[in-house]
């Protein structure tokens, strides 16, 4: 059993665009998410995930959402921007497709006992840029990063099952399986 999650990873061209937009911005009190961990979480599986059983569930019943066209949107915060702890980039394009993928993932994993996080009432497509220990007024950072689209649109057709290996230097995400969304 291990800590794991399912995610959609943007291609290098989108990651480059994120870095261009976000890296120059000062965030002295933030714990930035490293580039190699930028992704859209589809479903967090917890600290006791059976990754082999999860991968097998998708072999028995593959995802069939087709190919999505995604484009990163501007900056926002989870919760009220005035007192938030998480700064993220949303989607400009493809949110409905990603919601469909998340719903299919949830349906296939429910029989294994994996449900959506009880704290999250509704799926929110987001790529975490930074976390803050204390509630912080993120309005200035959201304004500085901007609301404009980040990078070009891209085609997405897979979800990646990651194992999250925790250590004193931070988490390392290890790819365990690639799951096609094309059935």
N, C-alpha and C. Protein backbone atom coordinates (compact mmCIF):
# COMPACT_ATOMS: atom_id res chain seq x y z
N UNK A 1 0.85 -1.18 0.00
CA UNK A 1 0.00 0.00 0.00
C UNK A 1 0.89 1.24 0.00
N UNK A 2 0.43 2.26 -0.73
CA UNK A 2 1.27 3.43 -0.92
C UNK A 2 0.42 4.67 -1.19
N UNK A 3 1.02 5.83 -1.08
CA UNK A 3 0.34 7.09 -1.40
C UNK A 3 0.30 7.23 -2.93
N UNK A 4 -0.89 7.52 -3.48
CA UNK A 4 -0.99 7.56 -4.94
C UNK A 4 -2.11 8.50 -5.38
N UNK A 5 -2.06 8.85 -6.67
CA UNK A 5 -3.09 9.71 -7.27
C UNK A 5 -3.07 9.51 -8.77
N UNK A 6 -4.17 9.91 -9.40
CA UNK A 6 -4.28 9.89 -10.86
C UNK A 6 -4.27 11.33 -11.35
N UNK A 7 -3.53 11.61 -12.43
CA UNK A 7 -3.37 12.99 -12.88
C UNK A 7 -3.19 13.08 -14.39
N UNK A 8 -3.39 14.29 -14.87
CA UNK A 8 -3.11 14.63 -16.27
C UNK A 8 -1.94 15.59 -16.25
N UNK A 9 -0.88 15.21 -16.97
CA UNK A 9 0.32 16.04 -17.01
C UNK A 9 0.36 16.80 -18.33
N UNK A 10 0.51 18.13 -18.24
CA UNK A 10 0.64 18.92 -19.48
C UNK A 10 1.94 18.58 -20.21
N UNK A 11 1.97 18.77 -21.52
CA UNK A 11 3.20 18.52 -22.29
C UNK A 11 4.25 19.60 -22.01
N UNK A 12 5.46 19.36 -22.46
CA UNK A 12 6.58 20.27 -22.22
C UNK A 12 6.29 21.69 -22.67
N UNK A 13 5.62 21.88 -23.80
CA UNK A 13 5.34 23.23 -24.29
C UNK A 13 4.46 24.00 -23.30
N UNK A 14 3.52 23.32 -22.66
CA UNK A 14 2.68 23.98 -21.66
C UNK A 14 3.48 24.23 -20.38
N UNK A 15 4.33 23.28 -20.00
CA UNK A 15 5.16 23.48 -18.81
C UNK A 15 6.11 24.66 -19.00
N UNK A 16 6.66 24.79 -20.21
CA UNK A 16 7.53 25.94 -20.52
C UNK A 16 6.76 27.25 -20.37
N UNK A 17 5.53 27.26 -20.84
CA UNK A 17 4.70 28.48 -20.76
C UNK A 17 4.39 28.83 -19.30
N UNK A 18 4.14 27.82 -18.48
CA UNK A 18 3.90 28.07 -17.06
C UNK A 18 5.14 28.69 -16.44
N UNK A 19 6.29 28.09 -16.71
CA UNK A 19 7.55 28.60 -16.14
C UNK A 19 7.80 30.05 -16.56
N UNK A 20 7.55 30.34 -17.83
CA UNK A 20 7.75 31.70 -18.32
C UNK A 20 6.85 32.69 -17.58
N UNK A 21 5.62 32.29 -17.32
CA UNK A 21 4.66 33.18 -16.67
C UNK A 21 4.90 33.30 -15.17
N UNK A 22 5.27 32.20 -14.51
CA UNK A 22 5.26 32.16 -13.05
C UNK A 22 6.64 32.34 -12.41
N UNK A 23 7.67 31.79 -13.01
CA UNK A 23 9.00 31.80 -12.38
C UNK A 23 9.51 33.19 -12.01
N UNK A 24 9.29 34.23 -12.83
CA UNK A 24 9.84 35.55 -12.47
C UNK A 24 9.11 36.24 -11.31
N UNK A 25 7.99 35.71 -10.88
CA UNK A 25 7.18 36.38 -9.86
C UNK A 25 7.67 36.00 -8.47
N UNK A 26 7.93 37.02 -7.66
CA UNK A 26 8.39 36.81 -6.28
C UNK A 26 7.26 36.28 -5.41
N UNK A 27 7.55 35.21 -4.71
CA UNK A 27 6.60 34.63 -3.75
C UNK A 27 7.40 34.17 -2.53
N UNK A 28 7.91 35.13 -1.75
CA UNK A 28 8.85 34.78 -0.68
C UNK A 28 8.28 33.87 0.42
N UNK A 29 7.00 33.90 0.67
CA UNK A 29 6.44 33.07 1.74
C UNK A 29 5.81 31.78 1.20
N UNK A 30 5.97 31.51 -0.07
CA UNK A 30 5.33 30.35 -0.69
C UNK A 30 6.26 29.15 -0.74
N UNK A 31 5.65 27.99 -0.74
CA UNK A 31 6.35 26.76 -1.08
C UNK A 31 5.89 26.42 -2.49
N UNK A 32 6.74 26.73 -3.46
CA UNK A 32 6.38 26.52 -4.87
C UNK A 32 6.36 25.04 -5.22
N UNK A 33 5.45 24.69 -6.10
CA UNK A 33 5.42 23.33 -6.63
C UNK A 33 6.50 23.24 -7.70
N UNK A 34 7.40 22.27 -7.61
CA UNK A 34 8.44 22.16 -8.64
C UNK A 34 7.86 21.77 -9.99
N UNK A 35 8.49 22.21 -11.04
CA UNK A 35 8.03 21.96 -12.41
C UNK A 35 7.73 20.49 -12.66
N UNK A 36 8.57 19.59 -12.19
CA UNK A 36 8.36 18.17 -12.46
C UNK A 36 7.11 17.61 -11.78
N UNK A 37 6.49 18.41 -10.91
CA UNK A 37 5.26 17.98 -10.24
C UNK A 37 4.03 18.74 -10.72
N UNK A 38 4.15 19.57 -11.73
CA UNK A 38 2.98 20.28 -12.24
C UNK A 38 2.07 19.30 -12.96
N UNK A 39 0.83 19.21 -12.51
CA UNK A 39 -0.15 18.30 -13.07
C UNK A 39 -1.55 18.72 -12.62
N UNK A 40 -2.55 18.13 -13.23
CA UNK A 40 -3.94 18.28 -12.81
C UNK A 40 -4.35 16.99 -12.12
N UNK A 41 -4.59 17.03 -10.83
CA UNK A 41 -5.02 15.82 -10.12
C UNK A 41 -6.44 15.48 -10.55
N UNK A 42 -6.64 14.26 -10.98
CA UNK A 42 -7.96 13.78 -11.36
C UNK A 42 -8.62 13.14 -10.13
N UNK A 43 -7.84 12.35 -9.38
CA UNK A 43 -8.34 11.80 -8.12
C UNK A 43 -7.16 11.40 -7.24
N UNK A 44 -7.21 11.85 -5.98
CA UNK A 44 -6.24 11.45 -4.97
C UNK A 44 -6.72 10.14 -4.37
N UNK A 45 -5.83 9.18 -4.23
CA UNK A 45 -6.21 7.85 -3.76
C UNK A 45 -5.88 7.61 -2.30
N UNK A 46 -5.16 8.52 -1.68
CA UNK A 46 -4.83 8.39 -0.27
C UNK A 46 -3.48 7.76 -0.03
N UNK A 47 -3.22 7.48 1.23
CA UNK A 47 -1.92 6.97 1.67
C UNK A 47 -1.84 5.44 1.67
N UNK A 48 -2.95 4.78 1.39
CA UNK A 48 -2.97 3.31 1.42
C UNK A 48 -3.53 2.75 0.11
N UNK A 49 -3.07 3.30 -0.97
CA UNK A 49 -3.57 2.88 -2.28
C UNK A 49 -2.91 1.58 -2.73
N UNK A 50 -3.70 0.74 -3.34
CA UNK A 50 -3.19 -0.47 -3.98
C UNK A 50 -3.08 -0.16 -5.47
N UNK A 51 -1.90 0.29 -5.89
CA UNK A 51 -1.75 0.76 -7.27
C UNK A 51 -1.96 -0.34 -8.30
N UNK A 52 -1.64 -1.58 -7.95
CA UNK A 52 -1.87 -2.68 -8.89
C UNK A 52 -3.37 -2.90 -9.10
N UNK A 53 -4.14 -2.84 -8.03
CA UNK A 53 -5.59 -3.01 -8.14
C UNK A 53 -6.21 -1.85 -8.92
N UNK A 54 -5.70 -0.66 -8.70
CA UNK A 54 -6.20 0.51 -9.42
C UNK A 54 -5.93 0.36 -10.92
N UNK A 55 -4.70 0.03 -11.27
CA UNK A 55 -4.35 -0.15 -12.69
C UNK A 55 -5.20 -1.25 -13.31
N UNK A 56 -5.42 -2.33 -12.59
CA UNK A 56 -6.23 -3.45 -13.10
C UNK A 56 -7.68 -3.03 -13.35
N UNK A 57 -8.20 -2.14 -12.50
CA UNK A 57 -9.59 -1.68 -12.68
C UNK A 57 -9.77 -1.02 -14.04
N UNK A 58 -8.75 -0.33 -14.52
CA UNK A 58 -8.84 0.35 -15.80
C UNK A 58 -8.56 -0.59 -16.97
N UNK A 59 -7.88 -1.68 -16.71
CA UNK A 59 -7.71 -2.69 -17.76
C UNK A 59 -9.05 -3.40 -18.00
N UNK A 60 -9.78 -3.66 -16.91
CA UNK A 60 -11.08 -4.32 -17.03
C UNK A 60 -12.12 -3.40 -17.66
N UNK A 61 -12.05 -2.13 -17.34
CA UNK A 61 -13.04 -1.16 -17.84
C UNK A 61 -12.32 0.15 -18.18
N UNK A 62 -11.78 0.26 -19.38
CA UNK A 62 -11.01 1.46 -19.77
C UNK A 62 -11.86 2.73 -19.77
N UNK A 63 -11.18 3.84 -19.64
CA UNK A 63 -11.84 5.14 -19.76
C UNK A 63 -12.28 5.33 -21.21
N UNK A 64 -13.38 6.04 -21.42
CA UNK A 64 -13.85 6.27 -22.80
C UNK A 64 -14.33 7.71 -22.99
N UNK A 65 -13.50 8.65 -22.54
CA UNK A 65 -13.84 10.07 -22.68
C UNK A 65 -13.33 10.65 -24.00
N UNK A 66 -12.58 9.89 -24.76
CA UNK A 66 -12.02 10.40 -26.00
C UNK A 66 -10.82 11.30 -25.73
N UNK A 67 -10.53 12.13 -26.70
CA UNK A 67 -9.39 13.05 -26.61
C UNK A 67 -9.91 14.42 -26.21
N UNK A 68 -9.26 15.04 -25.26
CA UNK A 68 -9.63 16.38 -24.83
C UNK A 68 -8.66 17.41 -25.37
N UNK A 69 -9.16 18.61 -25.59
CA UNK A 69 -8.29 19.74 -25.94
C UNK A 69 -8.26 20.65 -24.73
N UNK A 70 -7.06 20.82 -24.16
CA UNK A 70 -6.89 21.58 -22.94
C UNK A 70 -6.02 22.80 -23.18
N UNK A 71 -6.33 23.87 -22.47
CA UNK A 71 -5.46 25.06 -22.47
C UNK A 71 -5.51 25.64 -21.08
N UNK A 72 -4.34 25.94 -20.56
CA UNK A 72 -4.25 26.54 -19.24
C UNK A 72 -4.85 27.93 -19.22
N UNK A 73 -5.53 28.22 -18.13
CA UNK A 73 -6.10 29.55 -17.93
C UNK A 73 -5.23 30.34 -16.97
N UNK A 74 -5.79 31.39 -16.44
CA UNK A 74 -5.06 32.27 -15.55
C UNK A 74 -5.01 31.79 -14.12
N UNK A 75 -4.47 32.63 -13.26
CA UNK A 75 -4.25 32.30 -11.86
C UNK A 75 -5.51 32.50 -11.03
N UNK A 76 -5.64 31.67 -10.01
CA UNK A 76 -6.73 31.80 -9.05
C UNK A 76 -6.28 31.17 -7.75
N UNK A 77 -7.15 31.18 -6.76
CA UNK A 77 -6.84 30.62 -5.45
C UNK A 77 -7.98 29.70 -5.04
N UNK A 78 -7.64 28.67 -4.31
CA UNK A 78 -8.67 27.81 -3.75
C UNK A 78 -9.21 28.52 -2.52
N UNK A 79 -10.51 28.72 -2.50
CA UNK A 79 -11.12 29.51 -1.43
C UNK A 79 -11.19 30.97 -1.84
N UNK A 80 -11.34 31.80 -0.84
CA UNK A 80 -11.38 33.24 -1.11
C UNK A 80 -9.96 33.76 -1.33
N UNK A 81 -9.75 34.49 -2.41
CA UNK A 81 -8.41 35.00 -2.73
C UNK A 81 -7.83 35.84 -1.59
N UNK A 82 -8.67 36.46 -0.81
CA UNK A 82 -8.21 37.36 0.25
C UNK A 82 -7.50 36.60 1.38
N UNK A 83 -7.88 35.32 1.57
CA UNK A 83 -7.29 34.52 2.65
C UNK A 83 -7.19 33.07 2.18
N UNK A 84 -6.25 32.81 1.28
CA UNK A 84 -6.12 31.48 0.70
C UNK A 84 -4.74 30.91 0.98
N UNK A 85 -4.62 29.61 0.77
CA UNK A 85 -3.33 28.93 0.98
C UNK A 85 -2.80 28.28 -0.30
N UNK A 86 -3.65 28.18 -1.33
CA UNK A 86 -3.22 27.51 -2.56
C UNK A 86 -3.45 28.41 -3.77
N UNK A 87 -2.38 28.66 -4.51
CA UNK A 87 -2.40 29.44 -5.75
C UNK A 87 -2.32 28.45 -6.90
N UNK A 88 -3.20 28.58 -7.88
CA UNK A 88 -3.22 27.62 -8.98
C UNK A 88 -3.52 28.28 -10.31
N UNK A 89 -3.27 27.50 -11.38
CA UNK A 89 -3.72 27.85 -12.72
C UNK A 89 -4.90 26.93 -13.04
N UNK A 90 -5.94 27.52 -13.60
CA UNK A 90 -7.10 26.73 -14.00
C UNK A 90 -7.02 26.40 -15.47
N UNK A 91 -8.15 26.04 -16.02
CA UNK A 91 -8.23 25.73 -17.45
C UNK A 91 -9.01 26.81 -18.17
N UNK A 92 -8.51 27.24 -19.30
CA UNK A 92 -9.22 28.14 -20.20
C UNK A 92 -10.14 27.33 -21.10
N UNK A 93 -9.64 26.12 -21.46
CA UNK A 93 -10.37 25.25 -22.38
C UNK A 93 -10.24 23.81 -21.88
N UNK A 94 -11.33 23.04 -21.97
CA UNK A 94 -11.29 21.62 -21.68
C UNK A 94 -11.78 21.20 -20.31
N UNK A 95 -12.36 22.13 -19.58
CA UNK A 95 -12.79 21.79 -18.22
C UNK A 95 -13.89 20.72 -18.22
N UNK A 96 -14.82 20.80 -19.15
CA UNK A 96 -15.89 19.79 -19.21
C UNK A 96 -15.32 18.41 -19.49
N UNK A 97 -14.37 18.32 -20.41
CA UNK A 97 -13.74 17.04 -20.72
C UNK A 97 -13.05 16.49 -19.47
N UNK A 98 -12.32 17.34 -18.75
CA UNK A 98 -11.62 16.87 -17.56
C UNK A 98 -12.60 16.44 -16.47
N UNK A 99 -13.73 17.13 -16.36
CA UNK A 99 -14.76 16.70 -15.40
C UNK A 99 -15.30 15.32 -15.77
N UNK A 100 -15.49 15.08 -17.06
CA UNK A 100 -15.96 13.78 -17.52
C UNK A 100 -14.94 12.69 -17.19
N UNK A 101 -13.68 12.97 -17.41
CA UNK A 101 -12.62 12.02 -17.08
C UNK A 101 -12.64 11.73 -15.57
N UNK A 102 -12.74 12.79 -14.76
CA UNK A 102 -12.77 12.61 -13.30
C UNK A 102 -13.98 11.79 -12.86
N UNK A 103 -15.12 12.01 -13.48
CA UNK A 103 -16.33 11.24 -13.14
C UNK A 103 -16.15 9.77 -13.51
N UNK A 104 -15.54 9.50 -14.66
CA UNK A 104 -15.31 8.11 -15.06
C UNK A 104 -14.31 7.43 -14.12
N UNK A 105 -13.25 8.15 -13.76
CA UNK A 105 -12.26 7.60 -12.83
C UNK A 105 -12.95 7.27 -11.50
N UNK A 106 -13.73 8.19 -11.00
CA UNK A 106 -14.41 7.97 -9.73
C UNK A 106 -15.34 6.75 -9.81
N UNK A 107 -16.08 6.61 -10.89
CA UNK A 107 -17.01 5.48 -11.06
C UNK A 107 -16.26 4.15 -11.11
N UNK A 108 -15.11 4.12 -11.75
CA UNK A 108 -14.38 2.86 -11.86
C UNK A 108 -13.68 2.49 -10.56
N UNK A 109 -13.35 3.48 -9.75
CA UNK A 109 -12.62 3.20 -8.51
C UNK A 109 -13.52 3.04 -7.29
N UNK A 110 -14.77 3.48 -7.39
CA UNK A 110 -15.69 3.37 -6.25
C UNK A 110 -15.82 1.92 -5.76
N UNK A 111 -15.93 0.92 -6.65
CA UNK A 111 -16.03 -0.46 -6.16
C UNK A 111 -14.80 -0.92 -5.36
N UNK A 112 -13.67 -0.25 -5.56
CA UNK A 112 -12.45 -0.58 -4.81
C UNK A 112 -12.36 0.19 -3.50
N UNK A 113 -13.34 1.05 -3.23
CA UNK A 113 -13.35 1.81 -1.99
C UNK A 113 -12.70 3.19 -2.07
N UNK A 114 -12.38 3.63 -3.28
CA UNK A 114 -11.79 4.96 -3.44
C UNK A 114 -12.89 5.94 -3.81
N UNK A 115 -13.08 6.93 -2.97
CA UNK A 115 -14.05 7.97 -3.25
C UNK A 115 -13.35 9.31 -3.37
N UNK A 116 -14.09 10.27 -3.83
CA UNK A 116 -13.52 11.61 -3.92
C UNK A 116 -13.30 12.15 -2.51
N UNK A 117 -12.33 13.02 -2.38
CA UNK A 117 -12.03 13.69 -1.13
C UNK A 117 -13.31 14.27 -0.53
N UNK A 118 -13.62 13.96 0.71
CA UNK A 118 -14.85 14.46 1.33
C UNK A 118 -14.87 15.98 1.44
N UNK A 119 -13.69 16.59 1.53
CA UNK A 119 -13.62 18.04 1.66
C UNK A 119 -14.02 18.75 0.36
N UNK A 120 -13.76 18.11 -0.77
CA UNK A 120 -14.06 18.75 -2.04
C UNK A 120 -15.47 18.36 -2.49
N UNK A 121 -16.32 19.35 -2.57
CA UNK A 121 -17.71 19.10 -2.96
C UNK A 121 -17.84 18.86 -4.45
N UNK A 122 -17.01 19.50 -5.21
CA UNK A 122 -17.10 19.45 -6.66
C UNK A 122 -15.68 19.40 -7.23
N UNK A 123 -15.51 18.68 -8.31
CA UNK A 123 -14.20 18.58 -8.94
C UNK A 123 -13.76 19.96 -9.43
N UNK A 124 -12.54 20.33 -9.14
CA UNK A 124 -11.96 21.59 -9.59
C UNK A 124 -10.67 21.28 -10.35
N UNK A 125 -10.68 21.52 -11.64
CA UNK A 125 -9.49 21.31 -12.46
C UNK A 125 -8.50 22.43 -12.13
N UNK A 126 -7.37 22.05 -11.53
CA UNK A 126 -6.38 23.06 -11.16
C UNK A 126 -4.98 22.46 -11.13
N UNK A 127 -4.01 23.29 -11.44
CA UNK A 127 -2.60 22.95 -11.40
C UNK A 127 -1.97 23.83 -10.33
N UNK A 128 -1.56 23.24 -9.22
CA UNK A 128 -1.06 24.01 -8.08
C UNK A 128 0.31 24.61 -8.40
N UNK A 129 0.39 25.92 -8.22
CA UNK A 129 1.64 26.66 -8.44
C UNK A 129 2.40 26.81 -7.14
N UNK A 130 1.66 27.11 -6.05
CA UNK A 130 2.33 27.34 -4.77
C UNK A 130 1.34 27.13 -3.62
N UNK A 131 1.91 26.79 -2.47
CA UNK A 131 1.14 26.65 -1.23
C UNK A 131 1.73 27.60 -0.20
N UNK A 132 0.87 28.07 0.69
CA UNK A 132 1.27 29.00 1.73
C UNK A 132 0.88 28.41 3.08
N UNK A 133 1.79 28.52 4.07
CA UNK A 133 1.49 27.98 5.41
C UNK A 133 0.32 28.69 6.07
N UNK A 134 0.31 29.98 5.94
CA UNK A 134 -0.73 30.81 6.55
C UNK A 134 -1.67 31.33 5.48
N UNK A 135 -2.94 31.56 5.83
CA UNK A 135 -3.83 32.21 4.86
C UNK A 135 -3.21 33.53 4.40
N UNK A 136 -3.18 33.72 3.10
CA UNK A 136 -2.48 34.85 2.49
C UNK A 136 -3.40 35.54 1.49
N UNK A 137 -3.26 36.84 1.37
CA UNK A 137 -4.00 37.59 0.36
C UNK A 137 -3.33 37.32 -0.99
N UNK A 138 -3.97 36.47 -1.80
CA UNK A 138 -3.39 36.09 -3.08
C UNK A 138 -3.87 36.95 -4.24
N UNK A 139 -4.67 37.96 -3.95
CA UNK A 139 -5.15 38.84 -5.03
C UNK A 139 -4.01 39.48 -5.80
N UNK A 140 -2.96 40.00 -5.13
CA UNK A 140 -1.86 40.60 -5.91
C UNK A 140 -1.14 39.58 -6.81
N UNK A 141 -0.93 38.35 -6.32
CA UNK A 141 -0.26 37.34 -7.14
C UNK A 141 -1.14 36.92 -8.31
N UNK A 142 -2.43 36.77 -8.07
CA UNK A 142 -3.35 36.42 -9.16
C UNK A 142 -3.33 37.51 -10.22
N UNK A 143 -3.30 38.77 -9.79
CA UNK A 143 -3.27 39.88 -10.74
C UNK A 143 -1.95 39.90 -11.51
N UNK A 144 -0.84 39.64 -10.81
CA UNK A 144 0.47 39.68 -11.47
C UNK A 144 0.62 38.53 -12.48
N UNK A 145 0.17 37.36 -12.13
CA UNK A 145 0.23 36.23 -13.06
C UNK A 145 -0.75 36.46 -14.21
N UNK A 146 -1.91 36.99 -13.87
CA UNK A 146 -2.88 37.36 -14.88
C UNK A 146 -3.95 36.31 -15.11
N UNK A 147 -5.00 36.75 -15.80
CA UNK A 147 -6.13 35.88 -16.11
C UNK A 147 -6.05 35.33 -17.53
N UNK A 148 -5.07 35.78 -18.30
CA UNK A 148 -4.94 35.36 -19.69
C UNK A 148 -4.52 33.88 -19.77
N UNK A 149 -4.82 33.27 -20.89
CA UNK A 149 -4.42 31.88 -21.12
C UNK A 149 -2.90 31.76 -21.03
N UNK A 150 -2.45 30.60 -20.57
CA UNK A 150 -1.02 30.32 -20.45
C UNK A 150 -0.66 29.25 -21.47
N UNK A 151 0.10 29.63 -22.47
CA UNK A 151 0.58 28.68 -23.46
C UNK A 151 -0.49 28.24 -24.45
N UNK A 152 -0.10 27.39 -25.38
CA UNK A 152 -1.02 26.91 -26.41
C UNK A 152 -1.91 25.78 -25.88
N UNK A 153 -2.98 25.52 -26.60
CA UNK A 153 -3.84 24.37 -26.29
C UNK A 153 -3.11 23.09 -26.71
N UNK A 154 -3.45 21.99 -26.07
CA UNK A 154 -2.86 20.70 -26.42
C UNK A 154 -3.92 19.61 -26.31
N UNK A 155 -3.62 18.49 -26.97
CA UNK A 155 -4.53 17.34 -26.95
C UNK A 155 -4.11 16.41 -25.82
N UNK A 156 -5.09 15.99 -25.01
CA UNK A 156 -4.83 15.08 -23.90
C UNK A 156 -5.61 13.80 -24.12
N UNK A 157 -4.95 12.67 -23.93
CA UNK A 157 -5.63 11.39 -24.15
C UNK A 157 -5.20 10.32 -23.16
N UNK A 158 -4.67 10.76 -22.00
CA UNK A 158 -4.31 9.77 -21.00
C UNK A 158 -4.30 10.38 -19.60
N UNK A 159 -4.46 9.47 -18.65
CA UNK A 159 -4.36 9.79 -17.23
C UNK A 159 -3.20 8.96 -16.71
N UNK A 160 -2.39 9.54 -15.86
CA UNK A 160 -1.23 8.83 -15.33
C UNK A 160 -1.48 8.48 -13.86
N UNK A 161 -1.20 7.23 -13.51
CA UNK A 161 -1.27 6.78 -12.13
C UNK A 161 0.12 6.99 -11.52
N UNK A 162 0.18 7.84 -10.50
CA UNK A 162 1.46 8.16 -9.85
C UNK A 162 1.48 7.61 -8.44
N UNK A 163 2.65 7.16 -8.04
CA UNK A 163 2.94 6.87 -6.64
C UNK A 163 3.67 8.10 -6.12
N UNK A 164 3.30 8.57 -4.96
CA UNK A 164 3.95 9.72 -4.35
C UNK A 164 4.84 9.23 -3.22
N UNK A 165 6.15 9.32 -3.42
CA UNK A 165 7.13 8.86 -2.44
C UNK A 165 7.57 10.07 -1.62
N UNK A 166 7.24 10.05 -0.33
CA UNK A 166 7.56 11.17 0.55
C UNK A 166 8.93 10.96 1.19
N UNK A 167 9.66 12.08 1.32
CA UNK A 167 10.96 12.04 2.00
C UNK A 167 11.19 13.39 2.67
N UNK A 168 12.28 13.51 3.38
CA UNK A 168 12.58 14.77 4.07
C UNK A 168 12.85 15.91 3.09
N UNK A 169 13.17 15.59 1.84
CA UNK A 169 13.44 16.62 0.83
C UNK A 169 12.20 16.94 -0.01
N UNK A 170 11.08 16.31 0.31
CA UNK A 170 9.85 16.55 -0.44
C UNK A 170 9.36 15.29 -1.14
N UNK A 171 8.27 15.43 -1.85
CA UNK A 171 7.67 14.29 -2.55
C UNK A 171 8.33 14.07 -3.91
N UNK A 172 8.36 12.83 -4.31
CA UNK A 172 8.82 12.45 -5.65
C UNK A 172 7.68 11.64 -6.27
N UNK A 173 7.27 12.02 -7.47
CA UNK A 173 6.16 11.34 -8.14
C UNK A 173 6.72 10.32 -9.12
N UNK A 174 6.34 9.06 -8.90
CA UNK A 174 6.81 7.96 -9.73
C UNK A 174 5.64 7.45 -10.57
N UNK A 175 5.84 7.47 -11.88
CA UNK A 175 4.79 7.00 -12.78
C UNK A 175 4.67 5.49 -12.67
N UNK A 176 3.42 5.03 -12.43
CA UNK A 176 3.17 3.59 -12.30
C UNK A 176 2.38 3.02 -13.47
N UNK A 177 1.52 3.83 -14.09
CA UNK A 177 0.74 3.35 -15.24
C UNK A 177 0.22 4.53 -16.03
N UNK A 178 0.04 4.33 -17.34
CA UNK A 178 -0.59 5.30 -18.22
C UNK A 178 -1.91 4.71 -18.69
N UNK A 179 -2.99 5.46 -18.52
CA UNK A 179 -4.33 4.97 -18.81
C UNK A 179 -4.93 5.82 -19.92
N UNK A 180 -5.21 5.21 -21.03
CA UNK A 180 -5.77 5.93 -22.17
C UNK A 180 -7.21 6.39 -21.86
N UNK A 181 -7.59 7.54 -22.38
CA UNK A 181 -8.97 8.02 -22.24
C UNK A 181 -9.77 7.71 -23.50
N UNK A 182 -9.16 6.99 -24.42
CA UNK A 182 -9.81 6.71 -25.72
C UNK A 182 -10.48 5.35 -25.78
N UNK A 183 -10.72 4.71 -24.65
CA UNK A 183 -11.45 3.43 -24.63
C UNK A 183 -10.65 2.24 -24.94
